[in-house]
N, C-alpha and C. Protein backbone atom coordinates (compact mmCIF):
# COMPACT_ATOMS: atom_id res chain seq x y z
N MET A 1 0.85 -1.17 0.00
CA MET A 1 0.00 0.00 0.00
C MET A 1 0.90 1.24 0.00
N PRO A 2 0.61 2.20 -0.85
CA PRO A 2 1.41 3.44 -0.85
C PRO A 2 1.29 4.18 0.49
N GLN A 3 2.34 4.87 0.85
CA GLN A 3 2.38 5.57 2.14
C GLN A 3 1.25 6.59 2.25
N SER A 4 0.97 7.33 1.19
CA SER A 4 -0.08 8.35 1.26
C SER A 4 -1.45 7.71 1.48
N THR A 5 -1.68 6.52 0.92
CA THR A 5 -2.95 5.82 1.14
C THR A 5 -3.08 5.41 2.60
N ALA A 6 -2.01 4.90 3.18
CA ALA A 6 -2.02 4.54 4.60
C ALA A 6 -2.30 5.77 5.46
N GLU A 7 -1.70 6.90 5.11
CA GLU A 7 -1.91 8.13 5.87
C GLU A 7 -3.36 8.59 5.78
N VAL A 8 -3.94 8.50 4.59
CA VAL A 8 -5.34 8.90 4.43
C VAL A 8 -6.26 8.00 5.26
N LEU A 9 -6.00 6.71 5.26
CA LEU A 9 -6.83 5.79 6.04
C LEU A 9 -6.74 6.08 7.53
N ILE A 10 -5.51 6.26 8.03
CA ILE A 10 -5.33 6.56 9.45
C ILE A 10 -5.95 7.91 9.79
N LEU A 11 -5.77 8.89 8.94
CA LEU A 11 -6.35 10.21 9.15
C LEU A 11 -7.88 10.13 9.19
N THR A 12 -8.46 9.33 8.31
CA THR A 12 -9.92 9.18 8.27
C THR A 12 -10.44 8.57 9.56
N ILE A 13 -9.78 7.52 10.03
CA ILE A 13 -10.19 6.89 11.29
C ILE A 13 -10.04 7.89 12.44
N ASN A 14 -8.95 8.62 12.44
CA ASN A 14 -8.70 9.61 13.48
C ASN A 14 -9.75 10.72 13.45
N ALA A 15 -10.13 11.15 12.24
CA ALA A 15 -11.15 12.19 12.11
C ALA A 15 -12.51 11.70 12.63
N LEU A 16 -12.84 10.44 12.36
CA LEU A 16 -14.08 9.88 12.92
C LEU A 16 -14.04 9.91 14.44
N GLY A 17 -12.92 9.51 14.99
CA GLY A 17 -12.76 9.54 16.45
C GLY A 17 -12.88 10.95 17.01
N ALA A 18 -12.27 11.91 16.31
CA ALA A 18 -12.36 13.30 16.76
C ALA A 18 -13.81 13.78 16.75
N GLY A 19 -14.55 13.38 15.73
CA GLY A 19 -15.96 13.75 15.66
C GLY A 19 -16.76 13.20 16.83
N ILE A 20 -16.52 11.93 17.15
CA ILE A 20 -17.20 11.31 18.29
C ILE A 20 -16.83 12.04 19.58
N LEU A 21 -15.55 12.31 19.76
CA LEU A 21 -15.10 12.96 20.99
C LEU A 21 -15.63 14.39 21.12
N LEU A 22 -15.66 15.12 20.01
CA LEU A 22 -16.20 16.48 20.06
C LEU A 22 -17.70 16.45 20.37
N PHE A 23 -18.41 15.44 19.86
CA PHE A 23 -19.83 15.27 20.17
C PHE A 23 -20.02 15.00 21.66
N VAL A 24 -19.22 14.10 22.20
CA VAL A 24 -19.33 13.79 23.63
C VAL A 24 -19.00 15.02 24.46
N ALA A 25 -17.90 15.69 24.14
CA ALA A 25 -17.46 16.85 24.93
C ALA A 25 -18.42 18.03 24.80
N GLY A 26 -19.01 18.18 23.61
CA GLY A 26 -19.85 19.36 23.38
C GLY A 26 -21.32 19.14 23.60
N VAL A 27 -21.83 17.95 23.28
CA VAL A 27 -23.27 17.71 23.35
C VAL A 27 -23.62 16.84 24.56
N VAL A 28 -23.02 15.67 24.64
CA VAL A 28 -23.35 14.75 25.72
C VAL A 28 -22.99 15.36 27.07
N GLN A 29 -21.86 16.06 27.14
CA GLN A 29 -21.45 16.67 28.40
C GLN A 29 -22.47 17.70 28.86
N LYS A 30 -23.05 18.47 27.92
CA LYS A 30 -24.07 19.47 28.31
C LYS A 30 -25.30 18.77 28.89
N ILE A 31 -25.65 17.63 28.32
CA ILE A 31 -26.79 16.87 28.84
C ILE A 31 -26.46 16.38 30.25
N MET A 32 -25.24 15.86 30.43
CA MET A 32 -24.85 15.38 31.77
C MET A 32 -24.81 16.52 32.77
N ASP A 33 -24.39 17.71 32.34
CA ASP A 33 -24.33 18.85 33.24
C ASP A 33 -25.71 19.29 33.72
N ASP A 34 -26.74 19.03 32.90
CA ASP A 34 -28.11 19.40 33.27
C ASP A 34 -28.79 18.37 34.17
N MET A 35 -28.17 17.23 34.38
CA MET A 35 -28.77 16.18 35.19
C MET A 35 -28.48 16.41 36.67
N ASP A 36 -29.40 15.92 37.52
CA ASP A 36 -29.05 15.91 38.94
C ASP A 36 -27.98 14.85 39.12
N GLU A 37 -27.31 14.87 40.26
CA GLU A 37 -26.11 14.05 40.45
C GLU A 37 -26.37 12.55 40.32
N LEU A 38 -27.47 12.07 40.90
CA LEU A 38 -27.73 10.63 40.84
C LEU A 38 -28.14 10.20 39.43
N ALA A 39 -28.86 11.05 38.72
CA ALA A 39 -29.20 10.74 37.32
C ALA A 39 -27.91 10.71 36.49
N PHE A 40 -27.00 11.65 36.77
CA PHE A 40 -25.70 11.66 36.10
C PHE A 40 -24.95 10.36 36.35
N LYS A 41 -24.96 9.89 37.58
CA LYS A 41 -24.27 8.63 37.93
C LYS A 41 -24.85 7.47 37.14
N ARG A 42 -26.19 7.36 37.09
CA ARG A 42 -26.83 6.28 36.33
C ARG A 42 -26.51 6.40 34.84
N PHE A 43 -26.60 7.63 34.32
CA PHE A 43 -26.34 7.84 32.90
C PHE A 43 -24.90 7.51 32.54
N LEU A 44 -23.95 7.96 33.35
CA LEU A 44 -22.54 7.73 33.03
C LEU A 44 -22.21 6.24 33.08
N ASN A 45 -22.78 5.52 34.04
CA ASN A 45 -22.56 4.08 34.09
C ASN A 45 -23.11 3.42 32.83
N SER A 46 -24.28 3.85 32.40
CA SER A 46 -24.89 3.30 31.19
C SER A 46 -24.08 3.67 29.95
N LEU A 47 -23.64 4.93 29.89
CA LEU A 47 -22.84 5.39 28.76
C LEU A 47 -21.52 4.63 28.68
N GLY A 48 -20.87 4.48 29.81
CA GLY A 48 -19.59 3.74 29.84
C GLY A 48 -19.76 2.31 29.37
N HIS A 49 -20.79 1.66 29.85
CA HIS A 49 -21.04 0.27 29.44
C HIS A 49 -21.35 0.20 27.94
N ALA A 50 -22.20 1.09 27.46
CA ALA A 50 -22.57 1.08 26.04
C ALA A 50 -21.34 1.36 25.16
N ALA A 51 -20.50 2.31 25.57
CA ALA A 51 -19.31 2.65 24.78
C ALA A 51 -18.32 1.49 24.73
N MET A 52 -18.17 0.79 25.85
CA MET A 52 -17.19 -0.30 25.90
C MET A 52 -17.68 -1.57 25.21
N THR A 53 -18.97 -1.64 24.90
CA THR A 53 -19.51 -2.83 24.23
C THR A 53 -19.93 -2.54 22.79
N ASN A 54 -19.76 -1.30 22.34
CA ASN A 54 -20.11 -0.93 20.98
C ASN A 54 -18.91 -1.17 20.07
N ALA A 55 -19.07 -2.05 19.10
CA ALA A 55 -17.95 -2.43 18.24
C ALA A 55 -17.38 -1.23 17.48
N PHE A 56 -18.24 -0.36 16.97
CA PHE A 56 -17.77 0.81 16.23
C PHE A 56 -16.94 1.72 17.13
N ALA A 57 -17.44 2.04 18.31
CA ALA A 57 -16.73 2.94 19.22
C ALA A 57 -15.38 2.35 19.65
N VAL A 58 -15.38 1.07 19.97
CA VAL A 58 -14.13 0.43 20.40
C VAL A 58 -13.13 0.40 19.24
N THR A 59 -13.60 0.11 18.05
CA THR A 59 -12.72 0.07 16.88
C THR A 59 -12.12 1.44 16.60
N ILE A 60 -12.95 2.48 16.59
CA ILE A 60 -12.48 3.83 16.31
C ILE A 60 -11.50 4.29 17.38
N ALA A 61 -11.70 3.83 18.61
CA ALA A 61 -10.82 4.25 19.71
C ALA A 61 -9.49 3.51 19.71
N THR A 62 -9.45 2.27 19.20
CA THR A 62 -8.22 1.48 19.31
C THR A 62 -7.50 1.26 17.98
N LEU A 63 -8.20 1.35 16.88
CA LEU A 63 -7.57 1.09 15.58
C LEU A 63 -6.40 2.03 15.26
N PRO A 64 -6.47 3.31 15.62
CA PRO A 64 -5.33 4.17 15.29
C PRO A 64 -4.00 3.69 15.89
N ILE A 65 -4.01 3.13 17.07
CA ILE A 65 -2.74 2.68 17.67
C ILE A 65 -2.17 1.51 16.89
N ILE A 66 -3.03 0.59 16.48
CA ILE A 66 -2.58 -0.56 15.68
C ILE A 66 -2.11 -0.10 14.31
N ALA A 67 -2.94 0.73 13.66
CA ALA A 67 -2.58 1.24 12.33
C ALA A 67 -1.32 2.09 12.40
N GLY A 68 -1.20 2.91 13.45
CA GLY A 68 -0.01 3.74 13.60
C GLY A 68 1.25 2.91 13.77
N ALA A 69 1.16 1.88 14.59
CA ALA A 69 2.32 1.01 14.80
C ALA A 69 2.74 0.35 13.48
N LEU A 70 1.77 -0.17 12.74
CA LEU A 70 2.09 -0.79 11.45
C LEU A 70 2.66 0.24 10.47
N TYR A 71 2.08 1.43 10.48
CA TYR A 71 2.55 2.51 9.60
C TYR A 71 4.01 2.84 9.88
N PHE A 72 4.36 3.05 11.16
CA PHE A 72 5.73 3.45 11.49
C PHE A 72 6.72 2.32 11.26
N VAL A 73 6.29 1.08 11.41
CA VAL A 73 7.17 -0.05 11.07
C VAL A 73 7.42 -0.07 9.56
N ALA A 74 6.38 0.16 8.78
CA ALA A 74 6.50 0.09 7.32
C ALA A 74 7.19 1.31 6.71
N TYR A 75 6.90 2.50 7.22
CA TYR A 75 7.36 3.72 6.55
C TYR A 75 8.31 4.58 7.37
N GLY A 76 8.45 4.29 8.64
CA GLY A 76 9.34 5.09 9.46
C GLY A 76 8.70 6.40 9.90
N PHE A 77 9.55 7.31 10.36
CA PHE A 77 9.09 8.57 10.95
C PHE A 77 9.44 9.77 10.08
N ASN A 78 9.62 9.57 8.77
CA ASN A 78 10.10 10.66 7.92
C ASN A 78 9.04 11.69 7.55
N HIS A 79 7.78 11.42 7.76
CA HIS A 79 6.74 12.42 7.50
C HIS A 79 6.40 13.09 8.84
N TRP A 80 7.05 14.23 9.07
CA TRP A 80 7.03 14.86 10.38
C TRP A 80 5.66 15.34 10.80
N TRP A 81 4.88 15.90 9.88
CA TRP A 81 3.54 16.36 10.25
C TRP A 81 2.67 15.20 10.69
N PHE A 82 2.76 14.11 9.95
CA PHE A 82 1.98 12.93 10.29
C PHE A 82 2.42 12.37 11.64
N THR A 83 3.72 12.31 11.87
CA THR A 83 4.26 11.83 13.14
C THR A 83 3.81 12.73 14.29
N ALA A 84 3.86 14.04 14.08
CA ALA A 84 3.41 14.99 15.12
C ALA A 84 1.93 14.77 15.42
N GLY A 85 1.13 14.55 14.40
CA GLY A 85 -0.29 14.27 14.59
C GLY A 85 -0.52 13.00 15.37
N PHE A 86 0.28 11.99 15.09
CA PHE A 86 0.13 10.73 15.82
C PHE A 86 0.53 10.91 17.29
N VAL A 87 1.58 11.66 17.54
CA VAL A 87 2.00 11.93 18.92
C VAL A 87 0.88 12.69 19.66
N ALA A 88 0.26 13.66 19.00
CA ALA A 88 -0.86 14.39 19.62
C ALA A 88 -2.01 13.43 19.92
N TRP A 89 -2.25 12.47 19.02
CA TRP A 89 -3.30 11.49 19.26
C TRP A 89 -2.97 10.65 20.50
N ILE A 90 -1.72 10.23 20.63
CA ILE A 90 -1.29 9.44 21.79
C ILE A 90 -1.50 10.24 23.08
N ILE A 91 -1.15 11.52 23.05
CA ILE A 91 -1.34 12.37 24.23
C ILE A 91 -2.82 12.47 24.57
N GLY A 92 -3.65 12.69 23.55
CA GLY A 92 -5.09 12.77 23.78
C GLY A 92 -5.65 11.47 24.35
N SER A 93 -5.18 10.35 23.83
CA SER A 93 -5.65 9.06 24.34
C SER A 93 -5.19 8.83 25.77
N SER A 94 -4.01 9.31 26.09
CA SER A 94 -3.50 9.18 27.45
C SER A 94 -4.35 9.95 28.45
N ILE A 95 -4.91 11.06 27.98
CA ILE A 95 -5.77 11.86 28.84
C ILE A 95 -6.95 11.03 29.33
N THR A 96 -7.45 10.13 28.48
CA THR A 96 -8.55 9.27 28.90
C THR A 96 -8.13 8.39 30.07
N LYS A 97 -6.96 7.82 29.97
CA LYS A 97 -6.50 6.94 31.04
C LYS A 97 -6.26 7.73 32.33
N ILE A 98 -5.71 8.91 32.21
CA ILE A 98 -5.35 9.72 33.38
C ILE A 98 -6.57 10.45 33.95
N GLY A 99 -7.42 10.98 33.09
CA GLY A 99 -8.54 11.81 33.54
C GLY A 99 -9.87 11.11 33.64
N ASN A 100 -10.24 10.38 32.60
CA ASN A 100 -11.59 9.81 32.56
C ASN A 100 -11.73 8.50 33.31
N MET A 101 -10.79 7.60 33.15
CA MET A 101 -10.95 6.26 33.72
C MET A 101 -11.13 6.28 35.25
N PRO A 102 -10.36 7.10 35.99
CA PRO A 102 -10.63 7.15 37.44
C PRO A 102 -12.04 7.66 37.77
N VAL A 103 -12.54 8.58 36.95
CA VAL A 103 -13.90 9.09 37.17
C VAL A 103 -14.91 7.97 36.94
N TYR A 104 -14.79 7.27 35.83
CA TYR A 104 -15.70 6.16 35.55
C TYR A 104 -15.64 5.12 36.65
N LYS A 105 -14.44 4.80 37.11
CA LYS A 105 -14.27 3.80 38.15
C LYS A 105 -14.91 4.26 39.46
N TRP A 106 -14.68 5.51 39.85
CA TRP A 106 -15.24 6.04 41.08
C TRP A 106 -16.76 6.04 41.01
N ILE A 107 -17.30 6.49 39.90
CA ILE A 107 -18.76 6.59 39.76
C ILE A 107 -19.40 5.20 39.70
N ALA A 108 -18.70 4.22 39.15
CA ALA A 108 -19.25 2.87 39.05
C ALA A 108 -19.40 2.20 40.41
N ASP A 109 -18.65 2.66 41.39
CA ASP A 109 -18.74 2.07 42.73
C ASP A 109 -20.08 2.45 43.36
N PRO A 110 -20.92 1.47 43.67
CA PRO A 110 -22.25 1.77 44.24
C PRO A 110 -22.19 2.56 45.55
N LYS A 111 -21.10 2.45 46.31
CA LYS A 111 -20.98 3.18 47.58
C LYS A 111 -20.81 4.68 47.37
N ASN A 112 -20.35 5.08 46.19
CA ASN A 112 -20.06 6.49 45.94
C ASN A 112 -21.30 7.19 45.39
N SER A 113 -21.96 7.96 46.26
CA SER A 113 -23.17 8.67 45.81
C SER A 113 -23.29 10.05 46.44
N ASP A 114 -22.21 10.55 47.04
CA ASP A 114 -22.23 11.89 47.63
C ASP A 114 -22.44 12.93 46.52
N PRO A 115 -23.51 13.73 46.59
CA PRO A 115 -23.80 14.70 45.52
C PRO A 115 -22.66 15.69 45.25
N GLU A 116 -22.02 16.17 46.31
CA GLU A 116 -20.92 17.14 46.11
C GLU A 116 -19.75 16.49 45.38
N GLU A 117 -19.41 15.28 45.77
CA GLU A 117 -18.31 14.58 45.10
C GLU A 117 -18.69 14.21 43.66
N LEU A 118 -19.96 13.87 43.42
CA LEU A 118 -20.41 13.59 42.05
C LEU A 118 -20.28 14.85 41.18
N ARG A 119 -20.58 16.01 41.74
CA ARG A 119 -20.41 17.27 40.98
C ARG A 119 -18.94 17.48 40.63
N LYS A 120 -18.05 17.21 41.58
CA LYS A 120 -16.61 17.34 41.32
C LYS A 120 -16.16 16.37 40.24
N GLN A 121 -16.63 15.15 40.31
CA GLN A 121 -16.25 14.14 39.31
C GLN A 121 -16.80 14.52 37.93
N ARG A 122 -18.00 15.08 37.89
CA ARG A 122 -18.57 15.51 36.61
C ARG A 122 -17.73 16.62 36.00
N ARG A 123 -17.29 17.57 36.83
CA ARG A 123 -16.42 18.66 36.32
C ARG A 123 -15.09 18.08 35.82
N ARG A 124 -14.54 17.15 36.58
CA ARG A 124 -13.28 16.51 36.18
C ARG A 124 -13.44 15.79 34.84
N LEU A 125 -14.56 15.08 34.69
CA LEU A 125 -14.84 14.39 33.44
C LEU A 125 -14.98 15.37 32.28
N SER A 126 -15.64 16.47 32.53
CA SER A 126 -15.82 17.50 31.50
C SER A 126 -14.48 18.04 31.01
N VAL A 127 -13.60 18.34 31.95
CA VAL A 127 -12.28 18.86 31.58
C VAL A 127 -11.52 17.82 30.76
N ALA A 128 -11.51 16.58 31.22
CA ALA A 128 -10.79 15.53 30.51
C ALA A 128 -11.39 15.28 29.12
N ASN A 129 -12.73 15.28 29.03
CA ASN A 129 -13.37 15.08 27.72
C ASN A 129 -13.00 16.20 26.75
N ASN A 130 -13.01 17.43 27.25
CA ASN A 130 -12.67 18.56 26.38
C ASN A 130 -11.21 18.49 25.94
N TRP A 131 -10.31 18.21 26.87
CA TRP A 131 -8.90 18.11 26.49
C TRP A 131 -8.68 17.02 25.45
N ARG A 132 -9.29 15.86 25.67
CA ARG A 132 -9.09 14.77 24.71
C ARG A 132 -9.68 15.13 23.35
N ALA A 133 -10.87 15.70 23.35
CA ALA A 133 -11.49 16.07 22.08
C ALA A 133 -10.62 17.07 21.30
N TRP A 134 -10.14 18.10 21.99
CA TRP A 134 -9.34 19.11 21.31
C TRP A 134 -7.96 18.59 20.91
N MET A 135 -7.38 17.73 21.72
CA MET A 135 -6.08 17.12 21.34
C MET A 135 -6.25 16.21 20.12
N THR A 136 -7.35 15.49 20.07
CA THR A 136 -7.59 14.62 18.91
C THR A 136 -7.86 15.45 17.67
N LEU A 137 -8.60 16.55 17.81
CA LEU A 137 -8.79 17.43 16.66
C LEU A 137 -7.46 18.02 16.21
N ALA A 138 -6.61 18.41 17.16
CA ALA A 138 -5.28 18.92 16.81
C ALA A 138 -4.48 17.85 16.07
N SER A 139 -4.62 16.60 16.48
CA SER A 139 -3.88 15.53 15.80
C SER A 139 -4.37 15.37 14.37
N VAL A 140 -5.67 15.53 14.15
CA VAL A 140 -6.22 15.45 12.79
C VAL A 140 -5.64 16.59 11.94
N ILE A 141 -5.60 17.77 12.50
CA ILE A 141 -5.07 18.93 11.76
C ILE A 141 -3.61 18.72 11.43
N LEU A 142 -2.83 18.26 12.41
CA LEU A 142 -1.40 18.02 12.17
C LEU A 142 -1.20 16.94 11.10
N MET A 143 -1.96 15.86 11.18
CA MET A 143 -1.84 14.80 10.17
C MET A 143 -2.22 15.33 8.79
N ALA A 144 -3.24 16.18 8.74
CA ALA A 144 -3.69 16.72 7.46
C ALA A 144 -2.62 17.61 6.83
N CYS A 145 -1.79 18.23 7.64
CA CYS A 145 -0.72 19.09 7.11
C CYS A 145 0.29 18.29 6.28
N GLN A 146 0.28 16.97 6.43
CA GLN A 146 1.18 16.13 5.63
C GLN A 146 0.84 16.23 4.14
N PHE A 147 -0.41 16.53 3.83
CA PHE A 147 -0.85 16.62 2.46
C PHE A 147 -0.65 18.05 1.95
N SER A 148 -0.87 18.26 0.70
CA SER A 148 -0.61 19.58 0.14
C SER A 148 -1.56 20.63 0.72
N VAL A 149 -1.08 21.86 0.73
CA VAL A 149 -1.89 22.97 1.22
C VAL A 149 -3.16 23.08 0.37
N PHE A 150 -3.04 22.85 -0.92
CA PHE A 150 -4.19 22.91 -1.83
C PHE A 150 -5.26 21.89 -1.42
N ASP A 151 -4.84 20.64 -1.17
CA ASP A 151 -5.80 19.59 -0.79
C ASP A 151 -6.48 19.92 0.53
N VAL A 152 -5.70 20.35 1.50
CA VAL A 152 -6.26 20.69 2.81
C VAL A 152 -7.20 21.88 2.69
N THR A 153 -6.85 22.87 1.87
CA THR A 153 -7.70 24.04 1.67
C THR A 153 -9.03 23.65 1.04
N ILE A 154 -9.00 22.76 0.05
CA ILE A 154 -10.24 22.30 -0.59
C ILE A 154 -11.16 21.65 0.43
N VAL A 155 -10.60 20.79 1.26
CA VAL A 155 -11.42 20.12 2.29
C VAL A 155 -11.97 21.13 3.28
N ALA A 156 -11.14 22.07 3.73
CA ALA A 156 -11.59 23.07 4.70
C ALA A 156 -12.69 23.95 4.11
N VAL A 157 -12.53 24.39 2.87
CA VAL A 157 -13.54 25.24 2.23
C VAL A 157 -14.83 24.46 2.01
N ALA A 158 -14.72 23.21 1.56
CA ALA A 158 -15.91 22.39 1.37
C ALA A 158 -16.64 22.17 2.69
N SER A 159 -15.89 21.91 3.76
CA SER A 159 -16.50 21.71 5.08
C SER A 159 -17.19 22.99 5.55
N ALA A 160 -16.53 24.12 5.36
CA ALA A 160 -17.12 25.40 5.77
C ALA A 160 -18.37 25.71 4.96
N ALA A 161 -18.38 25.33 3.68
CA ALA A 161 -19.54 25.59 2.83
C ALA A 161 -20.71 24.68 3.21
N ILE A 162 -20.44 23.48 3.61
CA ILE A 162 -21.50 22.52 3.96
C ILE A 162 -22.05 22.79 5.35
N ALA A 163 -21.25 23.28 6.27
CA ALA A 163 -21.66 23.45 7.66
C ALA A 163 -22.92 24.31 7.83
N PRO A 164 -23.03 25.49 7.17
CA PRO A 164 -24.26 26.28 7.36
C PRO A 164 -25.52 25.54 6.89
N LEU A 165 -25.42 24.79 5.81
CA LEU A 165 -26.57 24.01 5.35
C LEU A 165 -26.96 22.96 6.39
N LEU A 166 -25.97 22.28 6.95
CA LEU A 166 -26.26 21.26 7.96
C LEU A 166 -26.85 21.88 9.22
N LEU A 167 -26.34 23.03 9.62
CA LEU A 167 -26.91 23.72 10.78
C LEU A 167 -28.34 24.16 10.51
N TRP A 168 -28.60 24.68 9.32
CA TRP A 168 -29.96 25.09 8.95
C TRP A 168 -30.91 23.89 8.99
N LEU A 169 -30.47 22.75 8.42
CA LEU A 169 -31.31 21.56 8.44
C LEU A 169 -31.55 21.09 9.87
N ALA A 170 -30.52 21.13 10.70
CA ALA A 170 -30.68 20.71 12.09
C ALA A 170 -31.69 21.59 12.81
N ARG A 171 -31.61 22.87 12.58
CA ARG A 171 -32.55 23.79 13.25
C ARG A 171 -33.96 23.65 12.69
N LYS A 172 -34.06 23.31 11.42
CA LYS A 172 -35.36 23.17 10.79
C LYS A 172 -36.10 21.93 11.29
N TYR A 173 -35.38 20.85 11.48
CA TYR A 173 -36.00 19.57 11.80
C TYR A 173 -35.91 19.16 13.26
N VAL A 174 -35.16 19.89 14.05
CA VAL A 174 -35.06 19.58 15.47
C VAL A 174 -35.74 20.69 16.25
N PRO A 175 -36.81 20.35 16.95
CA PRO A 175 -37.49 21.41 17.71
C PRO A 175 -36.62 21.92 18.85
N GLY A 176 -36.82 23.14 19.19
CA GLY A 176 -36.08 23.65 20.34
C GLY A 176 -35.78 25.04 20.19
């Protein structure tokens, strides 16, 4: 497989992951913030279980590390933008282990139901989710820099052109 094809595939998987993470950090987190503490605890336990058993979510979360390892074995580290993007992805993924996993573990414990501590854990989760989402988006941008400025510009302009239409459709069909 040509190196550029491998980079496009890894970038695509990474972009999907960034989209999921930005959705969680921006949309799901707002829903969790509006919940009372015990509802938040039930929801987060359900969300964690659903995420860990969903094949698509698990694949999108773990495939980049496997693909990245194979990529670097096959092609080395000579594409610096791509390598920098992968390092940013690793940092973002590490944030989950450092920030999110202790929160999920603490909340999963049935003995832990103190409302004040649940509020603290929710804030901690929000910070970690935002950091991971933005680090993953940064990794996508860095990886995209590996390609020509013209190609990246076309994608950025096309995305910017499509976004207002999608927002209009969302507002038209979603009450609120």
